[in-house]
Amino acid sequence: MKLYFPQWQGSGTGKIIEDGARTILEYLKDPEFINVPLSEIKAGSNGEKKHNINNYDAIFEQLARLQKKIEEEQPKKITTIGGDCGLEIIPVSYLNQKYPNLGVIWFDAHADINTPNDSPSCNFHGMPLRTLLGEGSKHMDPLLFSTIDASQIHYIGVRDIDDGEQTRIQNGNIYAPKKVDIQELITLLKSKEITNLYLHFDFDCLEPDDYDKTYYQVSEGVKILEAEMYIEALQENFNIVGSSVLESTTVEISELTPIKKIIHSLV
């Protein structure tokens, strides 16, 4: 199942994330992508915060729409062009319910494992992993098909971590090295008897000198060639049941040139 879901409300005010998703869709020209409409509830600068989540009503409404679409289709695999990272609670929780031994590979500069009460921004795109753990807002729990365990989470490129997130990562013994050794990661995944993977790819995991058309730029990121190698190695060793490309902000197709191989590898 191929989904186009350019949710931006989870970023707070970053509507340019929707524009970036549209650019990738236009570049691919793939008619198989299903457009799941976003909410028309006011958001961004005119949005409302509820339960310590900015734009809560809009996010919940459109995620419920996405949940219903996936539930109706019962896909074996899910590929998503998005959108902010908050959307991941739907496909990941669905695939986790469907597949045993699912590992979640989180290519991201940010840990995305805040609770609403701990989040400095109250933006939902910093909360999806905590929500998937069943430790986020109880008001988001009805959207989940299932919850995951901390042992399923593995970060690549993470380097901008809030204090509360660091505590959760340490307490959960979550894989979050400063520098990834891909063979070490593969060995770790296999030692956990993980056979299926979900590849979440937020383009801000990349080094901004390589690609800076992202909602956030964080230095000392993953080089594009490294990311390509990591993805290829994971695809060779595991069954990829889901993937996403998220939070690119370019509105120019020509500016996608450095990341074309990553896009094609994942979608």
C-alpha atoms as a PDB file:
ATOM      1  CA  MET A   1       0.000   0.000   0.000  1.00  0.00           C
ATOM      2  CA  LYS A   2       1.443   3.353  -1.040  1.00  0.00           C
ATOM      3  CA  LEU A   3       0.246   6.370   0.929  1.00  0.00           C
ATOM      4  CA  TYR A   4       0.589  10.068   0.364  1.00  0.00           C
ATOM      5  CA  PHE A   5      -0.127  11.699   3.699  1.00  0.00           C
ATOM      6  CA  PRO A   6       1.484  15.153   3.926  1.00  0.00           C
ATOM      7  CA  GLN A   7       0.592  15.836   7.561  1.00  0.00           C
ATOM      8  CA  TRP A   8       2.345  18.987   8.757  1.00  0.00           C
ATOM      9  CA  GLN A   9       0.277  19.918  11.810  1.00  0.00           C
ATOM     10  CA  GLY A  10       2.430  17.740  14.060  1.00  0.00           C
ATOM     11  CA  SER A  11       5.267  20.204  13.517  1.00  0.00           C
ATOM     12  CA  GLY A  12       3.223  23.085  14.921  1.00  0.00           C
ATOM     13  CA  THR A  13       3.447  25.646  12.145  1.00  0.00           C
ATOM     14  CA  GLY A  14       5.585  23.945   9.493  1.00  0.00           C
ATOM     15  CA  LYS A  15       3.201  23.887   6.552  1.00  0.00           C
ATOM     16  CA  ILE A  16       6.206  23.775   4.240  1.00  0.00           C
ATOM     17  CA  ILE A  17       6.471  20.094   5.187  1.00  0.00           C
ATOM     18  CA  GLU A  18       3.292  19.519   3.154  1.00  0.00           C
ATOM     19  CA  ASP A  19       4.893  21.310   0.199  1.00  0.00           C
ATOM     20  CA  GLY A  20       7.985  19.128   0.518  1.00  0.00           C
ATOM     21  CA  ALA A  21       5.935  15.947   0.473  1.00  0.00           C
ATOM     22  CA  ARG A  22       4.081  17.122  -2.624  1.00  0.00           C
ATOM     23  CA  THR A  23       7.401  17.733  -4.385  1.00  0.00           C
ATOM     24  CA  ILE A  24       8.485  14.124  -3.790  1.00  0.00           C
ATOM     25  CA  LEU A  25       5.112  12.853  -5.026  1.00  0.00           C
ATOM     26  CA  GLU A  26       5.373  14.960  -8.165  1.00  0.00           C
ATOM     27  CA  TYR A  27       8.908  13.741  -8.764  1.00  0.00           C
ATOM     28  CA  LEU A  28       7.941  10.064  -8.530  1.00  0.00           C
ATOM     29  CA  LYS A  29       4.846  10.349 -10.743  1.00  0.00           C
ATOM     30  CA  ASP A  30       3.552   7.087  -9.313  1.00  0.00           C
ATOM     31  CA  PRO A  31      -0.249   6.766  -9.681  1.00  0.00           C
ATOM     32  CA  GLU A  32      -0.376   4.003  -7.061  1.00  0.00           C
ATOM     33  CA  PHE A  33      -0.014   6.463  -4.197  1.00  0.00           C
ATOM     34  CA  ILE A  34      -3.291   6.979  -2.344  1.00  0.00           C
ATOM     35  CA  ASN A  35      -3.953  10.506  -1.117  1.00  0.00           C
ATOM     36  CA  VAL A  36      -5.421  10.488   2.386  1.00  0.00           C
ATOM     37  CA  PRO A  37      -6.954  13.971   2.895  1.00  0.00           C
ATOM     38  CA  LEU A  38      -5.826  16.170   5.748  1.00  0.00           C
ATOM     39  CA  SER A  39      -8.161  17.816   8.230  1.00  0.00           C
ATOM     40  CA  GLU A  40      -9.688  21.220   7.552  1.00  0.00           C
ATOM     41  CA  ILE A  41      -9.693  22.091  11.263  1.00  0.00           C
ATOM     42  CA  LYS A  42      -7.691  25.234  11.930  1.00  0.00           C
ATOM     43  CA  ALA A  43      -4.058  24.562  12.757  1.00  0.00           C
ATOM     44  CA  GLY A  44      -0.685  26.260  12.808  1.00  0.00           C
ATOM     45  CA  SER A  45      -0.774  29.850  14.034  1.00  0.00           C
ATOM     46  CA  ASN A  46      -4.572  29.535  14.317  1.00  0.00           C
ATOM     47  CA  GLY A  47      -4.471  26.120  15.917  1.00  0.00           C
ATOM     48  CA  GLU A  48      -5.436  25.117  19.428  1.00  0.00           C
ATOM     49  CA  LYS A  49      -3.440  23.160  21.980  1.00  0.00           C
ATOM     50  CA  LYS A  50      -5.212  20.356  23.814  1.00  0.00           C
ATOM     51  CA  HIS A  51      -3.735  17.742  26.150  1.00  0.00           C
ATOM     52  CA  ASN A  52      -0.392  19.560  25.734  1.00  0.00           C
ATOM     53  CA  ILE A  53      -0.402  18.781  21.994  1.00  0.00           C
ATOM     54  CA  ASN A  54      -0.475  21.609  19.461  1.00  0.00           C
ATOM     55  CA  ASN A  55      -3.173  21.243  16.780  1.00  0.00           C
ATOM     56  CA  TYR A  56      -4.541  18.196  18.589  1.00  0.00           C
ATOM     57  CA  ASP A  57      -7.999  18.196  16.977  1.00  0.00           C
ATOM     58  CA  ALA A  58      -6.678  18.406  13.412  1.00  0.00           C
ATOM     59  CA  ILE A  59      -4.053  15.738  14.043  1.00  0.00           C
ATOM     60  CA  PHE A  60      -6.477  13.320  15.663  1.00  0.00           C
ATOM     61  CA  GLU A  61      -9.091  13.721  12.937  1.00  0.00           C
ATOM     62  CA  GLN A  62      -6.735  13.087  10.045  1.00  0.00           C
ATOM     63  CA  LEU A  63      -4.855  10.274  11.779  1.00  0.00           C
ATOM     64  CA  ALA A  64      -8.193   8.572  12.455  1.00  0.00           C
ATOM     65  CA  ARG A  65      -8.869   8.867   8.722  1.00  0.00           C
ATOM     66  CA  LEU A  66      -5.498   7.260   7.978  1.00  0.00           C
ATOM     67  CA  GLN A  67      -6.157   4.519  10.533  1.00  0.00           C
ATOM     68  CA  LYS A  68      -9.518   3.718   8.933  1.00  0.00           C
ATOM     69  CA  LYS A  69      -8.013   3.554   5.432  1.00  0.00           C
ATOM     70  CA  ILE A  70      -5.331   1.101   6.509  1.00  0.00           C
ATOM     71  CA  GLU A  71      -7.824  -0.976   8.475  1.00  0.00           C
ATOM     72  CA  GLU A  72     -10.058  -1.240   5.403  1.00  0.00           C
ATOM     73  CA  GLU A  73      -7.239  -2.212   3.055  1.00  0.00           C
ATOM     74  CA  GLN A  74      -5.326  -4.560   5.394  1.00  0.00           C
ATOM     75  CA  PRO A  75      -2.103  -4.135   3.395  1.00  0.00           C
ATOM     76  CA  LYS A  76       0.887  -6.460   3.704  1.00  0.00           C
ATOM     77  CA  LYS A  77       3.307  -3.550   3.334  1.00  0.00           C
ATOM     78  CA  ILE A  78       3.044   0.222   3.735  1.00  0.00           C
ATOM     79  CA  THR A  79       5.096   2.920   2.058  1.00  0.00           C
ATOM     80  CA  THR A  80       4.461   6.543   2.986  1.00  0.00           C
ATOM     81  CA  ILE A  81       5.388   9.904   1.524  1.00  0.00           C
ATOM     82  CA  GLY A  82       4.919  12.500   4.253  1.00  0.00           C
ATOM     83  CA  GLY A  83       4.626  14.594   6.179  1.00  0.00           C
ATOM     84  CA  ASP A  84       5.787  15.008   9.766  1.00  0.00           C
ATOM     85  CA  CYS A  85       6.979  12.176  11.986  1.00  0.00           C
ATOM     86  CA  GLY A  86       3.805  12.090  14.073  1.00  0.00           C
ATOM     87  CA  LEU A  87       1.998  10.183  11.316  1.00  0.00           C
ATOM     88  CA  GLU A  88       4.141   7.123  12.028  1.00  0.00           C
ATOM     89  CA  ILE A  89       1.998   5.966  14.937  1.00  0.00           C
ATOM     90  CA  ILE A  90      -0.537   4.557  12.457  1.00  0.00           C
ATOM     91  CA  PRO A  91       1.559   2.449  10.025  1.00  0.00           C
ATOM     92  CA  VAL A  92       4.043   1.297  12.682  1.00  0.00           C
ATOM     93  CA  SER A  93       1.346   0.188  15.139  1.00  0.00           C
ATOM     94  CA  TYR A  94      -0.499  -1.597  12.316  1.00  0.00           C
ATOM     95  CA  LEU A  95       2.571  -3.442  11.037  1.00  0.00           C
ATOM     96  CA  ASN A  96       3.623  -4.299  14.577  1.00  0.00           C
ATOM     97  CA  GLN A  97       0.271  -6.006  15.058  1.00  0.00           C
ATOM     98  CA  LYS A  98       0.590  -7.843  11.746  1.00  0.00           C
ATOM     99  CA  TYR A  99       4.208  -9.002  11.939  1.00  0.00           C
ATOM    100  CA  PRO A 100       6.036 -10.714  14.780  1.00  0.00           C
ATOM    101  CA  ASN A 101       9.617  -9.696  15.476  1.00  0.00           C
ATOM    102  CA  LEU A 102       9.284  -6.197  14.000  1.00  0.00           C
ATOM    103  CA  GLY A 103      12.240  -3.867  14.371  1.00  0.00           C
ATOM    104  CA  VAL A 104      11.819  -0.110  13.986  1.00  0.00           C
ATOM    105  CA  ILE A 105      14.785   1.714  12.440  1.00  0.00           C
ATOM    106  CA  TRP A 106      14.482   5.432  13.140  1.00  0.00           C
ATOM    107  CA  PHE A 107      16.655   7.513  10.797  1.00  0.00           C
ATOM    108  CA  ASP A 108      16.279  10.892  12.482  1.00  0.00           C
ATOM    109  CA  ALA A 109      18.296  13.713  14.052  1.00  0.00           C
ATOM    110  CA  HIS A 110      15.706  13.788  16.852  1.00  0.00           C
ATOM    111  CA  ALA A 111      14.668  11.090  19.299  1.00  0.00           C
ATOM    112  CA  ASP A 112      10.904  11.760  18.910  1.00  0.00           C
ATOM    113  CA  ILE A 113      10.286  10.047  22.243  1.00  0.00           C
ATOM    114  CA  ASN A 114       8.930  12.894  24.370  1.00  0.00           C
ATOM    115  CA  THR A 115       5.729  12.792  26.397  1.00  0.00           C
ATOM    116  CA  PRO A 116       3.345  15.726  25.944  1.00  0.00           C
ATOM    117  CA  ASN A 117       4.178  16.922  29.457  1.00  0.00           C
ATOM    118  CA  ASP A 118       7.939  16.811  28.846  1.00  0.00           C
ATOM    119  CA  SER A 119       7.973  18.225  25.320  1.00  0.00           C
ATOM    120  CA  PRO A 120       9.507  21.731  25.132  1.00  0.00           C
ATOM    121  CA  SER A 121       7.504  22.515  21.974  1.00  0.00           C
ATOM    122  CA  CYS A 122       4.284  20.486  22.496  1.00  0.00           C
ATOM    123  CA  ASN A 123       4.555  19.503  18.827  1.00  0.00           C
ATOM    124  CA  PHE A 124       3.382  15.952  18.171  1.00  0.00           C
ATOM    125  CA  HIS A 125       6.168  15.115  15.715  1.00  0.00           C
ATOM    126  CA  GLY A 126       8.439  14.876  18.749  1.00  0.00           C
ATOM    127  CA  MET A 127       6.172  12.304  20.437  1.00  0.00           C
ATOM    128  CA  PRO A 128       5.455   9.364  18.086  1.00  0.00           C
ATOM    129  CA  LEU A 129       7.794   6.805  19.628  1.00  0.00           C
ATOM    130  CA  ARG A 130       6.611   7.535  23.157  1.00  0.00           C
ATOM    131  CA  THR A 131       3.038   7.210  21.892  1.00  0.00           C
ATOM    132  CA  LEU A 132       3.875   3.896  20.216  1.00  0.00           C
ATOM    133  CA  LEU A 133       5.318   2.667  23.517  1.00  0.00           C
ATOM    134  CA  GLY A 134       1.919   3.319  25.096  1.00  0.00           C
ATOM    135  CA  GLU A 135       3.437   6.017  27.296  1.00  0.00           C
ATOM    136  CA  GLY A 136       2.176   9.127  25.530  1.00  0.00           C
ATOM    137  CA  SER A 137      -1.148  10.922  25.829  1.00  0.00           C
ATOM    138  CA  LYS A 138      -4.012   8.549  26.599  1.00  0.00           C
ATOM    139  CA  HIS A 139      -6.044  10.705  24.228  1.00  0.00           C
ATOM    140  CA  MET A 140      -3.981   9.362  21.302  1.00  0.00           C
ATOM    141  CA  ASP A 141      -4.209   5.706  22.342  1.00  0.00           C
ATOM    142  CA  PRO A 142      -7.451   4.977  20.390  1.00  0.00           C
ATOM    143  CA  LEU A 143      -5.465   5.524  17.191  1.00  0.00           C
ATOM    144  CA  LEU A 144      -3.052   2.676  17.882  1.00  0.00           C
ATOM    145  CA  PHE A 145      -3.422  -0.818  16.440  1.00  0.00           C
ATOM    146  CA  SER A 146      -0.819  -2.045  18.965  1.00  0.00           C
ATOM    147  CA  THR A 147       2.052  -0.835  21.132  1.00  0.00           C
ATOM    148  CA  ILE A 148       5.749  -1.600  20.756  1.00  0.00           C
ATOM    149  CA  ASP A 149       8.553  -2.355  23.218  1.00  0.00           C
ATOM    150  CA  ALA A 150      11.660  -0.236  23.741  1.00  0.00           C
ATOM    151  CA  SER A 151      13.811  -3.124  22.509  1.00  0.00           C
ATOM    152  CA  GLN A 152      12.290  -2.717  19.033  1.00  0.00           C
ATOM    153  CA  ILE A 153      13.582   0.857  18.581  1.00  0.00           C
ATOM    154  CA  HIS A 154      16.949   1.483  16.899  1.00  0.00           C
ATOM    155  CA  TYR A 155      18.164   4.977  16.024  1.00  0.00           C
ATOM    156  CA  ILE A 156      20.407   6.033  13.167  1.00  0.00           C
ATOM    157  CA  GLY A 157      21.617   9.628  13.053  1.00  0.00           C
ATOM    158  CA  VAL A 158      20.054  10.738  16.342  1.00  0.00           C
ATOM    159  CA  ARG A 159      21.924  13.668  17.923  1.00  0.00           C
ATOM    160  CA  ASP A 160      19.414  16.272  19.147  1.00  0.00           C
ATOM    161  CA  ILE A 161      17.945  14.706  22.281  1.00  0.00           C
ATOM    162  CA  ASP A 162      15.964  16.373  25.082  1.00  0.00           C
ATOM    163  CA  ASP A 163      16.792  15.492  28.682  1.00  0.00           C
ATOM    164  CA  GLY A 164      13.600  13.508  29.232  1.00  0.00           C
ATOM    165  CA  GLU A 165      14.197  11.623  26.012  1.00  0.00           C
ATOM    166  CA  GLN A 166      17.760  10.768  27.033  1.00  0.00           C
ATOM    167  CA  THR A 167      16.481   9.340  30.291  1.00  0.00           C
ATOM    168  CA  ARG A 168      13.938   7.153  28.457  1.00  0.00           C
ATOM    169  CA  ILE A 169      16.567   5.950  25.997  1.00  0.00           C
ATOM    170  CA  GLN A 170      18.943   5.010  28.807  1.00  0.00           C
ATOM    171  CA  ASN A 171      16.250   3.379  30.933  1.00  0.00           C
ATOM    172  CA  GLY A 172      15.057   1.337  27.972  1.00  0.00           C
ATOM    173  CA  ASN A 173      18.556   0.424  26.806  1.00  0.00           C
ATOM    174  CA  ILE A 174      17.531   1.723  23.378  1.00  0.00           C
ATOM    175  CA  TYR A 175      20.094   1.511  20.575  1.00  0.00           C
ATOM    176  CA  ALA A 176      21.221   5.103  19.959  1.00  0.00           C
ATOM    177  CA  PRO A 177      24.950   5.301  19.150  1.00  0.00           C
ATOM    178  CA  LYS A 178      26.689   8.501  18.127  1.00  0.00           C
ATOM    179  CA  LYS A 179      28.164   6.620  15.177  1.00  0.00           C
ATOM    180  CA  VAL A 180      26.477   3.578  13.646  1.00  0.00           C
ATOM    181  CA  ASP A 181      28.362   0.407  12.817  1.00  0.00           C
ATOM    182  CA  ILE A 182      25.910  -1.206  10.408  1.00  0.00           C
ATOM    183  CA  GLN A 183      27.279  -4.728  10.836  1.00  0.00           C
ATOM    184  CA  GLU A 184      27.021  -4.334  14.612  1.00  0.00           C
ATOM    185  CA  LEU A 185      23.406  -3.193  14.217  1.00  0.00           C
ATOM    186  CA  ILE A 186      22.582  -6.131  11.937  1.00  0.00           C
ATOM    187  CA  THR A 187      24.091  -8.528  14.463  1.00  0.00           C
ATOM    188  CA  LEU A 188      22.092  -6.904  17.264  1.00  0.00           C
ATOM    189  CA  LEU A 189      18.833  -7.150  15.314  1.00  0.00           C
ATOM    190  CA  LYS A 190      19.436 -10.799  14.534  1.00  0.00           C
ATOM    191  CA  SER A 191      20.295 -11.521  18.180  1.00  0.00           C
ATOM    192  CA  LYS A 192      16.820 -10.222  19.043  1.00  0.00           C
ATOM    193  CA  GLU A 193      15.361 -12.573  16.400  1.00  0.00           C
ATOM    194  CA  ILE A 194      14.022  -9.575  14.483  1.00  0.00           C
ATOM    195  CA  THR A 195      13.182 -10.539  10.907  1.00  0.00           C
ATOM    196  CA  ASN A 196      10.911  -7.694   9.742  1.00  0.00           C
ATOM    197  CA  LEU A 197      11.808  -4.004   9.668  1.00  0.00           C
ATOM    198  CA  TYR A 198      10.097  -0.657   9.412  1.00  0.00           C
ATOM    199  CA  LEU A 199      12.402   2.050   8.031  1.00  0.00           C
ATOM    200  CA  HIS A 200      11.449   5.548   9.171  1.00  0.00           C
ATOM    201  CA  PHE A 201      13.464   8.152   7.287  1.00  0.00           C
ATOM    202  CA  ASP A 202      13.335  11.790   8.339  1.00  0.00           C
ATOM    203  CA  PHE A 203      15.690  13.660   6.023  1.00  0.00           C
ATOM    204  CA  ASP A 204      17.065  15.715   8.913  1.00  0.00           C
ATOM    205  CA  CYS A 205      19.089  12.638   9.877  1.00  0.00           C
ATOM    206  CA  LEU A 206      21.393  13.702   7.053  1.00  0.00           C
ATOM    207  CA  GLU A 207      24.371  16.004   7.353  1.00  0.00           C
ATOM    208  CA  PRO A 208      23.119  19.463   6.272  1.00  0.00           C
ATOM    209  CA  ASP A 209      26.197  19.970   4.084  1.00  0.00           C
ATOM    210  CA  ASP A 210      24.880  17.028   2.028  1.00  0.00           C
ATOM    211  CA  TYR A 211      21.156  17.910   2.156  1.00  0.00           C
ATOM    212  CA  ASP A 212      19.666  20.877   3.986  1.00  0.00           C
ATOM    213  CA  LYS A 213      16.121  21.058   2.589  1.00  0.00           C
ATOM    214  CA  THR A 214      14.664  19.868   5.881  1.00  0.00           C
ATOM    215  CA  TYR A 215      12.489  21.386   8.569  1.00  0.00           C
ATOM    216  CA  TYR A 216      15.426  21.272  10.982  1.00  0.00           C
ATOM    217  CA  GLN A 217      19.146  21.229  10.236  1.00  0.00           C
ATOM    218  CA  VAL A 218      21.380  19.555  12.809  1.00  0.00           C
ATOM    219  CA  SER A 219      25.126  19.356  12.208  1.00  0.00           C
ATOM    220  CA  GLU A 220      27.227  16.188  12.311  1.00  0.00           C
ATOM    221  CA  GLY A 221      24.607  14.063  10.620  1.00  0.00           C
ATOM    222  CA  VAL A 222      24.716  10.953   8.462  1.00  0.00           C
ATOM    223  CA  LYS A 223      26.343  11.389   5.072  1.00  0.00           C
ATOM    224  CA  ILE A 224      24.141  10.571   2.091  1.00  0.00           C
ATOM    225  CA  LEU A 225      26.468   7.789   0.943  1.00  0.00           C
ATOM    226  CA  GLU A 226      26.399   6.309   4.454  1.00  0.00           C
ATOM    227  CA  ALA A 227      22.594   6.395   4.530  1.00  0.00           C
ATOM    228  CA  GLU A 228      22.427   4.653   1.156  1.00  0.00           C
ATOM    229  CA  MET A 229      24.799   1.952   2.421  1.00  0.00           C
ATOM    230  CA  TYR A 230      22.841   1.479   5.667  1.00  0.00           C
ATOM    231  CA  ILE A 231      19.530   1.105   3.818  1.00  0.00           C
ATOM    232  CA  GLU A 232      20.998  -1.363   1.318  1.00  0.00           C
ATOM    233  CA  ALA A 233      22.531  -3.496   4.080  1.00  0.00           C
ATOM    234  CA  LEU A 234      19.270  -3.604   6.035  1.00  0.00           C
ATOM    235  CA  GLN A 235      17.298  -4.507   2.914  1.00  0.00           C
ATOM    236  CA  GLU A 236      19.722  -7.351   2.153  1.00  0.00           C
ATOM    237  CA  ASN A 237      19.395  -8.858   5.627  1.00  0.00           C
ATOM    238  CA  PHE A 238      15.756  -8.303   6.611  1.00  0.00           C
ATOM    239  CA  ASN A 239      12.214  -8.239   5.258  1.00  0.00           C
ATOM    240  CA  ILE A 240      11.206  -4.590   4.896  1.00  0.00           C
ATOM    241  CA  VAL A 241       7.481  -4.370   5.591  1.00  0.00           C
ATOM    242  CA  GLY A 242       7.189  -0.586   5.778  1.00  0.00           C
ATOM    243  CA  SER A 243       9.087   2.601   5.057  1.00  0.00           C
ATOM    244  CA  SER A 244       8.634   6.338   4.914  1.00  0.00           C
ATOM    245  CA  VAL A 245      10.309   9.496   3.624  1.00  0.00           C
ATOM    246  CA  LEU A 246       9.454  12.489   5.784  1.00  0.00           C
ATOM    247  CA  GLU A 247      10.067  16.174   6.509  1.00  0.00           C
ATOM    248  CA  SER A 248      11.791  17.262   3.311  1.00  0.00           C
ATOM    249  CA  THR A 249      10.831  20.862   2.594  1.00  0.00           C
ATOM    250  CA  THR A 250      12.047  21.571  -0.930  1.00  0.00           C
ATOM    251  CA  VAL A 251       9.517  22.816  -3.469  1.00  0.00           C
ATOM    252  CA  GLU A 252      11.972  22.341  -6.346  1.00  0.00           C
ATOM    253  CA  ILE A 253      12.239  18.874  -7.879  1.00  0.00           C
ATOM    254  CA  SER A 254      15.782  19.681  -9.014  1.00  0.00           C
ATOM    255  CA  GLU A 255      16.851  20.009  -5.374  1.00  0.00           C
ATOM    256  CA  LEU A 256      15.958  16.348  -4.760  1.00  0.00           C
ATOM    257  CA  THR A 257      18.916  15.216  -6.881  1.00  0.00           C
ATOM    258  CA  PRO A 258      21.240  14.410  -3.921  1.00  0.00           C
ATOM    259  CA  ILE A 259      18.618  12.182  -2.265  1.00  0.00           C
ATOM    260  CA  LYS A 260      17.072  10.475  -5.307  1.00  0.00           C
ATOM    261  CA  LYS A 261      18.709   7.132  -4.544  1.00  0.00           C
ATOM    262  CA  ILE A 262      17.371   7.203  -0.973  1.00  0.00           C
ATOM    263  CA  ILE A 263      13.874   8.035  -2.211  1.00  0.00           C
ATOM    264  CA  HIS A 264      13.883   5.195  -4.736  1.00  0.00           C
ATOM    265  CA  SER A 265      15.321   2.742  -2.202  1.00  0.00           C
ATOM    266  CA  LEU A 266      12.562   3.451   0.286  1.00  0.00           C
ATOM    267  CA  VAL A 267       9.502   4.104  -1.882  1.00  0.00           C
END
